[in-house]
C-alpha atoms as a PDB file:
ATOM      1  CA  MET A   1       6.561   3.573  -2.485  1.00  0.00           C
ATOM      2  CA  VAL A   2       3.174   3.471  -0.798  1.00  0.00           C
ATOM      3  CA  GLU A   3       2.307   2.567   2.767  1.00  0.00           C
ATOM      4  CA  TYR A   4      -0.884   0.636   3.400  1.00  0.00           C
ATOM      5  CA  ARG A   5      -2.676   0.626   6.747  1.00  0.00           C
ATOM      6  CA  TRP A   6      -5.339  -2.015   7.252  1.00  0.00           C
ATOM      7  CA  SER A   7      -8.785  -1.257   8.619  1.00  0.00           C
ATOM      8  CA  VAL A   8     -11.048  -4.265   9.142  1.00  0.00           C
ATOM      9  CA  ARG A   9     -14.077  -2.665   7.529  1.00  0.00           C
ATOM     10  CA  ASN A  10     -12.350  -0.442   4.997  1.00  0.00           C
ATOM     11  CA  GLY A  11      -9.383  -2.456   3.773  1.00  0.00           C
ATOM     12  CA  PHE A  12      -6.084  -0.726   3.062  1.00  0.00           C
ATOM     13  CA  LEU A  13      -5.635   3.009   3.445  1.00  0.00           C
ATOM     14  CA  LYS A  14      -2.899   4.479   1.294  1.00  0.00           C
ATOM     15  CA  LYS A  15      -0.302   6.658   2.968  1.00  0.00           C
ATOM     16  CA  LYS A  16       2.931   8.165   1.790  1.00  0.00           C
ATOM     17  CA  GLY A  17       6.115   6.354   2.696  1.00  0.00           C
ATOM     18  CA  LYS A  18       7.331   2.799   2.435  1.00  0.00           C
ATOM     19  CA  LYS A  19       5.092  -0.125   1.614  1.00  0.00           C
ATOM     20  CA  LYS A  20       3.734  -1.728   4.770  1.00  0.00           C
ATOM     21  CA  VAL A  21       0.723  -3.816   5.709  1.00  0.00           C
ATOM     22  CA  SER A  22      -0.252  -3.689   9.350  1.00  0.00           C
ATOM     23  CA  LEU A  23      -2.556  -5.901  11.374  1.00  0.00           C
ATOM     24  CA  TRP A  24      -3.301  -2.949  13.632  1.00  0.00           C
ATOM     25  CA  GLY A  25      -5.682  -0.560  11.884  1.00  0.00           C
ATOM     26  CA  GLY A  26      -7.403   2.578  13.044  1.00  0.00           C
ATOM     27  CA  ARG A  27     -11.090   3.073  13.676  1.00  0.00           C
ATOM     28  CA  SER A  28     -13.426   2.113  10.845  1.00  0.00           C
ATOM     29  CA  PHE A  29     -14.780   4.892   8.642  1.00  0.00           C
ATOM     30  CA  CYS A  30     -17.371   5.441   5.933  1.00  0.00           C
ATOM     31  CA  ASP A  31     -16.403   4.228   2.467  1.00  0.00           C
ATOM     32  CA  GLY A  32     -17.927   7.329   0.905  1.00  0.00           C
ATOM     33  CA  CYS A  33     -17.273  10.430   3.027  1.00  0.00           C
ATOM     34  CA  LYS A  34     -14.569   8.923   5.315  1.00  0.00           C
ATOM     35  CA  ARG A  35     -16.442   9.852   8.498  1.00  0.00           C
ATOM     36  CA  GLN A  36     -15.422   7.757  11.511  1.00  0.00           C
ATOM     37  CA  LEU A  37     -18.098   5.191  12.318  1.00  0.00           C
ATOM     38  CA  THR A  38     -19.730   4.775  15.703  1.00  0.00           C
ATOM     39  CA  TRP A  39     -19.962   1.435  17.473  1.00  0.00           C
ATOM     40  CA  ARG A  40     -23.627   1.176  16.478  1.00  0.00           C
ATOM     41  CA  GLU A  41     -22.586   1.202  12.824  1.00  0.00           C
ATOM     42  CA  ASN A  42     -20.024  -1.559  13.386  1.00  0.00           C
ATOM     43  CA  ILE A  43     -22.183  -4.332  14.815  1.00  0.00           C
ATOM     44  CA  PRO A  44     -21.481  -7.388  12.619  1.00  0.00           C
ATOM     45  CA  VAL A  45     -24.252  -8.177  10.100  1.00  0.00           C
ATOM     46  CA  LEU A  46     -26.909  -6.345  12.170  1.00  0.00           C
ATOM     47  CA  SER A  47     -25.608  -2.861  11.282  1.00  0.00           C
ATOM     48  CA  PHE A  48     -25.677  -3.722   7.575  1.00  0.00           C
ATOM     49  CA  LEU A  49     -29.299  -4.900   7.831  1.00  0.00           C
ATOM     50  CA  VAL A  50     -30.478  -1.960   9.943  1.00  0.00           C
ATOM     51  CA  LEU A  51     -28.827   0.542   7.588  1.00  0.00           C
ATOM     52  CA  LYS A  52     -30.244  -1.345   4.581  1.00  0.00           C
ATOM     53  CA  GLY A  53     -26.841  -1.757   2.983  1.00  0.00           C
ATOM     54  CA  LYS A  54     -26.010   1.952   2.913  1.00  0.00           C
ATOM     55  CA  SER A  55     -23.850   4.187   5.086  1.00  0.00           C
ATOM     56  CA  LYS A  56     -25.807   6.319   7.560  1.00  0.00           C
ATOM     57  CA  CYS A  57     -24.000   9.575   6.787  1.00  0.00           C
ATOM     58  CA  CYS A  58     -23.844   9.817   2.978  1.00  0.00           C
ATOM     59  CA  LYS A  59     -25.941   6.816   1.891  1.00  0.00           C
ATOM     60  CA  THR A  60     -23.005   5.185   0.064  1.00  0.00           C
ATOM     61  CA  PRO A  61     -23.902   1.573  -0.860  1.00  0.00           C
ATOM     62  CA  LEU A  62     -21.910  -0.904   1.241  1.00  0.00           C
ATOM     63  CA  PRO A  63     -20.355  -4.002  -0.379  1.00  0.00           C
ATOM     64  CA  CYS A  64     -22.172  -7.249   0.375  1.00  0.00           C
ATOM     65  CA  GLN A  65     -18.785  -8.735   1.316  1.00  0.00           C
ATOM     66  CA  TYR A  66     -19.017  -6.988   4.698  1.00  0.00           C
ATOM     67  CA  PRO A  67     -21.964  -8.959   6.132  1.00  0.00           C
ATOM     68  CA  LEU A  68     -20.870 -12.103   4.280  1.00  0.00           C
ATOM     69  CA  VAL A  69     -17.402 -12.057   5.869  1.00  0.00           C
ATOM     70  CA  GLU A  70     -18.871 -11.189   9.269  1.00  0.00           C
ATOM     71  CA  PHE A  71     -21.399 -14.027   9.004  1.00  0.00           C
ATOM     72  CA  LEU A  72     -18.793 -16.582   7.924  1.00  0.00           C
ATOM     73  CA  THR A  73     -16.412 -15.450  10.671  1.00  0.00           C
ATOM     74  CA  GLY A  74     -19.196 -15.953  13.218  1.00  0.00           C
ATOM     75  CA  GLY A  75     -19.740 -19.428  11.778  1.00  0.00           C
ATOM     76  CA  LEU A  76     -16.048 -20.238  12.199  1.00  0.00           C
ATOM     77  CA  PHE A  77     -16.191 -19.100  15.821  1.00  0.00           C
ATOM     78  CA  LEU A  78     -19.193 -21.373  16.396  1.00  0.00           C
ATOM     79  CA  LEU A  79     -17.294 -24.289  14.878  1.00  0.00           C
ATOM     80  CA  LEU A  80     -14.350 -23.464  17.102  1.00  0.00           C
ATOM     81  CA  PHE A  81     -16.603 -23.462  20.161  1.00  0.00           C
ATOM     82  CA  GLY A  82     -17.951 -26.858  19.108  1.00  0.00           C
ATOM     83  CA  PHE A  83     -14.415 -28.291  19.082  1.00  0.00           C
ATOM     84  CA  ALA A  84     -12.927 -26.388  22.032  1.00  0.00           C
ATOM     85  CA  GLY A  85     -15.998 -26.575  24.268  1.00  0.00           C
ATOM     86  CA  PHE A  86     -15.633 -24.794  27.587  1.00  0.00           C
ATOM     87  CA  GLU A  87     -11.846 -25.061  27.729  1.00  0.00           C
ATOM     88  CA  VAL A  88     -11.311 -21.346  28.236  1.00  0.00           C
ATOM     89  CA  LEU A  89      -7.610 -21.208  27.359  1.00  0.00           C
ATOM     90  CA  PHE A  90      -8.050 -23.216  24.171  1.00  0.00           C
ATOM     91  CA  LEU A  91     -11.076 -21.111  23.263  1.00  0.00           C
ATOM     92  CA  VAL A  92      -9.168 -17.833  23.719  1.00  0.00           C
ATOM     93  CA  LEU A  93      -6.176 -19.059  21.710  1.00  0.00           C
ATOM     94  CA  GLY A  94      -8.492 -20.501  19.080  1.00  0.00           C
ATOM     95  CA  VAL A  95     -10.429 -17.255  18.682  1.00  0.00           C
ATOM     96  CA  LEU A  96      -7.173 -15.354  18.185  1.00  0.00           C
ATOM     97  CA  ILE A  97      -5.916 -17.887  15.636  1.00  0.00           C
ATOM     98  CA  VAL A  98      -9.182 -17.952  13.681  1.00  0.00           C
ATOM     99  CA  GLY A  99      -9.441 -14.160  13.751  1.00  0.00           C
ATOM    100  CA  ILE A 100      -5.942 -13.711  12.328  1.00  0.00           C
ATOM    101  CA  LEU A 101      -6.508 -16.440   9.735  1.00  0.00           C
ATOM    102  CA  VAL A 102      -9.633 -14.615   8.523  1.00  0.00           C
ATOM    103  CA  PHE A 103      -7.619 -11.402   8.321  1.00  0.00           C
ATOM    104  CA  VAL A 104      -4.830 -13.095   6.332  1.00  0.00           C
ATOM    105  CA  PHE A 105      -7.375 -14.780   4.055  1.00  0.00           C
ATOM    106  CA  LEU A 106      -9.001 -11.463   3.141  1.00  0.00           C
ATOM    107  CA  VAL A 107      -5.755  -9.550   2.717  1.00  0.00           C
ATOM    108  CA  ASP A 108      -4.056 -12.199   0.596  1.00  0.00           C
ATOM    109  CA  PHE A 109      -7.169 -12.810  -1.487  1.00  0.00           C
ATOM    110  CA  LYS A 110      -7.559  -9.119  -2.347  1.00  0.00           C
ATOM    111  CA  TYR A 111      -3.987  -7.793  -2.252  1.00  0.00           C
ATOM    112  CA  GLN A 112      -1.841 -10.953  -2.489  1.00  0.00           C
ATOM    113  CA  ILE A 113       0.109 -10.001   0.629  1.00  0.00           C
ATOM    114  CA  ILE A 114       0.525 -11.944   3.870  1.00  0.00           C
ATOM    115  CA  PRO A 115       1.599  -9.431   6.536  1.00  0.00           C
ATOM    116  CA  ASP A 116       4.709 -10.579   8.410  1.00  0.00           C
ATOM    117  CA  GLU A 117       3.317  -9.496  11.761  1.00  0.00           C
ATOM    118  CA  ALA A 118       0.285 -11.734  11.245  1.00  0.00           C
ATOM    119  CA  THR A 119       2.562 -14.703  10.513  1.00  0.00           C
ATOM    120  CA  VAL A 120       4.714 -13.960  13.581  1.00  0.00           C
ATOM    121  CA  LEU A 121       1.632 -13.763  15.809  1.00  0.00           C
ATOM    122  CA  LEU A 122       0.346 -17.043  14.398  1.00  0.00           C
ATOM    123  CA  VAL A 123       3.693 -18.725  15.072  1.00  0.00           C
ATOM    124  CA  VAL A 124       3.620 -17.506  18.689  1.00  0.00           C
ATOM    125  CA  LEU A 125       0.033 -18.677  19.112  1.00  0.00           C
ATOM    126  CA  ALA A 126       0.906 -22.062  17.565  1.00  0.00           C
ATOM    127  CA  VAL A 127       3.670 -22.542  20.126  1.00  0.00           C
ATOM    128  CA  LEU A 128       1.359 -21.510  22.990  1.00  0.00           C
ATOM    129  CA  TRP A 129      -1.329 -23.863  21.708  1.00  0.00           C
ATOM    130  CA  GLY A 130       1.135 -26.757  21.549  1.00  0.00           C
ATOM    131  CA  LEU A 131       2.489 -26.055  25.023  1.00  0.00           C
ATOM    132  CA  THR A 132      -1.050 -25.840  26.407  1.00  0.00           C
ATOM    133  CA  GLU A 133      -1.987 -29.111  24.715  1.00  0.00           C
ATOM    134  CA  ARG A 134       1.367 -30.617  25.806  1.00  0.00           C
ATOM    135  CA  ASP A 135       2.146 -31.935  22.343  1.00  0.00           C
ATOM    136  CA  PHE A 136       4.692 -29.351  21.222  1.00  0.00           C
ATOM    137  CA  GLY A 137       7.957 -31.076  20.509  1.00  0.00           C
ATOM    138  CA  LEU A 138      10.452 -32.241  17.930  1.00  0.00           C
ATOM    139  CA  ASP A 139       7.724 -33.543  15.600  1.00  0.00           C
ATOM    140  CA  LYS A 140       6.250 -30.091  15.058  1.00  0.00           C
ATOM    141  CA  LEU A 141       9.637 -28.402  14.824  1.00  0.00           C
ATOM    142  CA  VAL A 142      10.742 -30.869  12.145  1.00  0.00           C
ATOM    143  CA  SER A 143       7.408 -30.494  10.338  1.00  0.00           C
ATOM    144  CA  ALA A 144       7.812 -26.714  10.277  1.00  0.00           C
ATOM    145  CA  GLY A 145      11.391 -26.978   9.030  1.00  0.00           C
ATOM    146  CA  VAL A 146      10.618 -29.506   6.297  1.00  0.00           C
ATOM    147  CA  ILE A 147       7.580 -27.675   4.941  1.00  0.00           C
ATOM    148  CA  PHE A 148       9.483 -24.375   5.001  1.00  0.00           C
ATOM    149  CA  LEU A 149      12.316 -25.879   2.941  1.00  0.00           C
ATOM    150  CA  PHE A 150       9.849 -27.506   0.543  1.00  0.00           C
ATOM    151  CA  PHE A 151       7.994 -24.253  -0.105  1.00  0.00           C
ATOM    152  CA  LEU A 152      11.279 -22.347  -0.303  1.00  0.00           C
ATOM    153  CA  PHE A 153      12.381 -24.794  -3.000  1.00  0.00           C
ATOM    154  CA  LEU A 154       9.131 -24.207  -4.927  1.00  0.00           C
ATOM    155  CA  TYR A 155       9.561 -20.460  -4.529  1.00  0.00           C
ATOM    156  CA  LEU A 156      13.116 -20.537  -5.875  1.00  0.00           C
ATOM    157  CA  VAL A 157      12.321 -22.923  -8.736  1.00  0.00           C
ATOM    158  CA  THR A 158       9.378 -20.825  -9.911  1.00  0.00           C
ATOM    159  CA  LYS A 159      11.283 -17.586  -9.207  1.00  0.00           C
ATOM    160  CA  GLY A 160       8.433 -16.350  -7.050  1.00  0.00           C
ATOM    161  CA  LYS A 161       5.826 -16.793  -9.782  1.00  0.00           C
ATOM    162  CA  GLY A 162       4.303 -19.985  -8.393  1.00  0.00           C
ATOM    163  CA  MET A 163       3.809 -18.534  -4.914  1.00  0.00           C
ATOM    164  CA  GLY A 164       4.941 -15.589  -2.866  1.00  0.00           C
ATOM    165  CA  PHE A 165       7.528 -15.612  -0.108  1.00  0.00           C
ATOM    166  CA  GLY A 166       4.721 -14.803   2.322  1.00  0.00           C
ATOM    167  CA  ASP A 167       3.404 -18.326   1.701  1.00  0.00           C
ATOM    168  CA  VAL A 168       6.856 -19.742   2.453  1.00  0.00           C
ATOM    169  CA  LYS A 169       6.856 -18.038   5.843  1.00  0.00           C
ATOM    170  CA  PHE A 170       3.212 -18.843   6.550  1.00  0.00           C
ATOM    171  CA  VAL A 171       3.714 -22.612   6.302  1.00  0.00           C
ATOM    172  CA  VAL A 172       6.079 -22.414   9.304  1.00  0.00           C
ATOM    173  CA  PHE A 173       2.996 -21.624  11.385  1.00  0.00           C
ATOM    174  CA  MET A 174       1.164 -24.556   9.813  1.00  0.00           C
ATOM    175  CA  GLY A 175       3.947 -26.980  10.702  1.00  0.00           C
ATOM    176  CA  LEU A 176       4.213 -25.759  14.288  1.00  0.00           C
ATOM    177  CA  PHE A 177       0.458 -25.756  14.761  1.00  0.00           C
ATOM    178  CA  LEU A 178      -0.631 -28.927  12.988  1.00  0.00           C
ATOM    179  CA  GLY A 179       2.217 -31.388  13.254  1.00  0.00           C
ATOM    180  CA  LYS A 180       3.211 -33.982  10.671  1.00  0.00           C
ATOM    181  CA  TRP A 181       0.049 -35.789   9.568  1.00  0.00           C
ATOM    182  CA  LYS A 182      -2.371 -32.893   9.877  1.00  0.00           C
ATOM    183  CA  LEU A 183       0.114 -30.815   7.907  1.00  0.00           C
ATOM    184  CA  VAL A 184       0.141 -33.406   5.121  1.00  0.00           C
ATOM    185  CA  LEU A 185      -3.657 -33.234   4.923  1.00  0.00           C
ATOM    186  CA  ALA A 186      -3.642 -29.426   4.993  1.00  0.00           C
ATOM    187  CA  ILE A 187      -1.124 -29.137   2.158  1.00  0.00           C
ATOM    188  CA  TYR A 188      -2.975 -31.782   0.133  1.00  0.00           C
ATOM    189  CA  VAL A 189      -6.287 -29.912   0.511  1.00  0.00           C
ATOM    190  CA  ALA A 190      -4.606 -26.609  -0.368  1.00  0.00           C
ATOM    191  CA  PHE A 191      -3.031 -27.918  -3.574  1.00  0.00           C
ATOM    192  CA  VAL A 192      -6.088 -29.892  -4.716  1.00  0.00           C
ATOM    193  CA  VAL A 193      -8.578 -27.081  -4.096  1.00  0.00           C
ATOM    194  CA  GLY A 194      -6.133 -24.504  -5.457  1.00  0.00           C
ATOM    195  CA  ALA A 195      -5.651 -26.525  -8.648  1.00  0.00           C
ATOM    196  CA  ALA A 196      -9.406 -27.025  -9.061  1.00  0.00           C
ATOM    197  CA  VAL A 197     -10.091 -23.301  -8.642  1.00  0.00           C
ATOM    198  CA  GLY A 198      -7.238 -22.472 -11.027  1.00  0.00           C
ATOM    199  CA  VAL A 199      -8.636 -24.775 -13.729  1.00  0.00           C
ATOM    200  CA  PHE A 200     -12.124 -23.331 -13.226  1.00  0.00           C
ATOM    201  CA  LEU A 201     -10.833 -19.764 -13.607  1.00  0.00           C
ATOM    202  CA  MET A 202      -8.879 -20.669 -16.738  1.00  0.00           C
ATOM    203  CA  ILE A 203     -11.887 -22.336 -18.380  1.00  0.00           C
ATOM    204  CA  PHE A 204     -14.685 -19.988 -17.365  1.00  0.00           C
ATOM    205  CA  LYS A 205     -12.966 -16.704 -16.478  1.00  0.00           C
ATOM    206  CA  GLY A 206     -10.234 -16.570 -19.069  1.00  0.00           C
ATOM    207  CA  TYR A 207      -7.330 -16.699 -16.638  1.00  0.00           C
ATOM    208  CA  GLY A 208      -3.965 -17.339 -18.294  1.00  0.00           C
ATOM    209  CA  LYS A 209      -0.553 -18.531 -17.137  1.00  0.00           C
ATOM    210  CA  LYS A 210       0.399 -14.992 -16.167  1.00  0.00           C
ATOM    211  CA  SER A 211      -2.761 -14.397 -14.107  1.00  0.00           C
ATOM    212  CA  ALA A 212      -2.028 -14.126 -10.385  1.00  0.00           C
ATOM    213  CA  LEU A 213      -3.930 -16.255  -7.870  1.00  0.00           C
ATOM    214  CA  ALA A 214      -3.202 -15.945  -4.163  1.00  0.00           C
ATOM    215  CA  PHE A 215      -2.314 -19.293  -2.575  1.00  0.00           C
ATOM    216  CA  GLY A 216      -2.655 -18.162   1.039  1.00  0.00           C
ATOM    217  CA  PRO A 217      -6.447 -18.633   1.179  1.00  0.00           C
ATOM    218  CA  PHE A 218      -6.037 -22.269   0.113  1.00  0.00           C
ATOM    219  CA  LEU A 219      -3.385 -22.830   2.786  1.00  0.00           C
ATOM    220  CA  ILE A 220      -5.786 -21.365   5.354  1.00  0.00           C
ATOM    221  CA  LEU A 221      -8.605 -23.590   4.123  1.00  0.00           C
ATOM    222  CA  GLY A 222      -6.318 -26.610   4.404  1.00  0.00           C
ATOM    223  CA  THR A 223      -5.294 -25.553   7.916  1.00  0.00           C
ATOM    224  CA  LEU A 224      -8.903 -25.316   9.118  1.00  0.00           C
ATOM    225  CA  VAL A 225      -9.881 -28.627   7.503  1.00  0.00           C
ATOM    226  CA  ALA A 226      -6.909 -30.455   9.047  1.00  0.00           C
ATOM    227  CA  TRP A 227      -7.390 -28.759  12.425  1.00  0.00           C
ATOM    228  CA  TRP A 228     -11.073 -29.603  12.823  1.00  0.00           C
ATOM    229  CA  PHE A 229     -11.756 -32.589  10.559  1.00  0.00           C
ATOM    230  CA  PHE A 230      -8.553 -34.617  10.610  1.00  0.00           C
ATOM    231  CA  ASP A 231     -10.190 -37.434  12.611  1.00  0.00           C
ATOM    232  CA  PHE A 232     -12.887 -37.802   9.955  1.00  0.00           C
ATOM    233  CA  PHE A 233     -10.329 -38.060   7.168  1.00  0.00           C
ATOM    234  CA  GLU A 234      -8.192 -40.440   9.225  1.00  0.00           C
ATOM    235  CA  ILE A 235     -11.147 -42.788   9.736  1.00  0.00           C
ATOM    236  CA  TRP A 236     -12.093 -42.509   6.044  1.00  0.00           C
ATOM    237  CA  ILE A 237      -8.540 -43.322   4.885  1.00  0.00           C
ATOM    238  CA  GLU A 238      -8.278 -46.262   7.278  1.00  0.00           C
ATOM    239  CA  SER A 239     -11.654 -47.604   6.117  1.00  0.00           C
ATOM    240  CA  PHE A 240     -10.630 -47.257   2.473  1.00  0.00           C
ATOM    241  CA  TYR A 241      -7.335 -49.037   3.193  1.00  0.00           C
ATOM    242  CA  LEU A 242      -9.028 -51.922   5.027  1.00  0.00           C
ATOM    243  CA  LEU A 243     -11.596 -52.225   2.233  1.00  0.00           C
ATOM    244  CA  GLY A 244      -8.746 -52.585  -0.246  1.00  0.00           C
ATOM    245  CA  LEU A 245      -7.214 -55.387   1.809  1.00  0.00           C
ATOM    246  CA  ASN A 246     -10.479 -57.284   1.769  1.00  0.00           C
END
């Protein structure tokens, strides 16, 4: 078995022992010579530009995914600020939630693993968010239970080939955080976008039935869409419904 330790800039570091993925990584280091990086070399986006896409110590080319992820994460934080405003508690909880969601997105996309500790932290943050917003109650508990059982059913029916058990546990957070109707939108977005990407990969990239595609990133996309844009979709659905009546 192999143990994996996560470092935000360097991904998983292999170690001897059991297989484990941890949210808590060590200091970032050079991809090439493994030298520990200084804080000046870890400034999001700016360090990549200043160093011209190469490590300072051994001139190893750095993947473009580093500044791209850092830029997109900054964009998500700006969106969060636009929705949370100057509500400090909501902003702090939101930053933690978004940060962990980005982490889970990257890990599941590359390694098809959703670390349990990340899911547990998200569940705790979802409860704190609901208590702070004073809307945490039976509705969200039922939503979490129903979506867990639904995904567990899919997991058992497909024998783990349709989705991993990490997804089954992750949707508990979604239910507790989003509640009934936002959860419906999130799952709908996840399945629709996931299906569209799957079809695209099969047609243009030669993916087959046995090709693995992480579903966690689509669940995270659905979560963010439902969290921030549910009102827009609600108005659009109501308008479409009223138009049909006329």
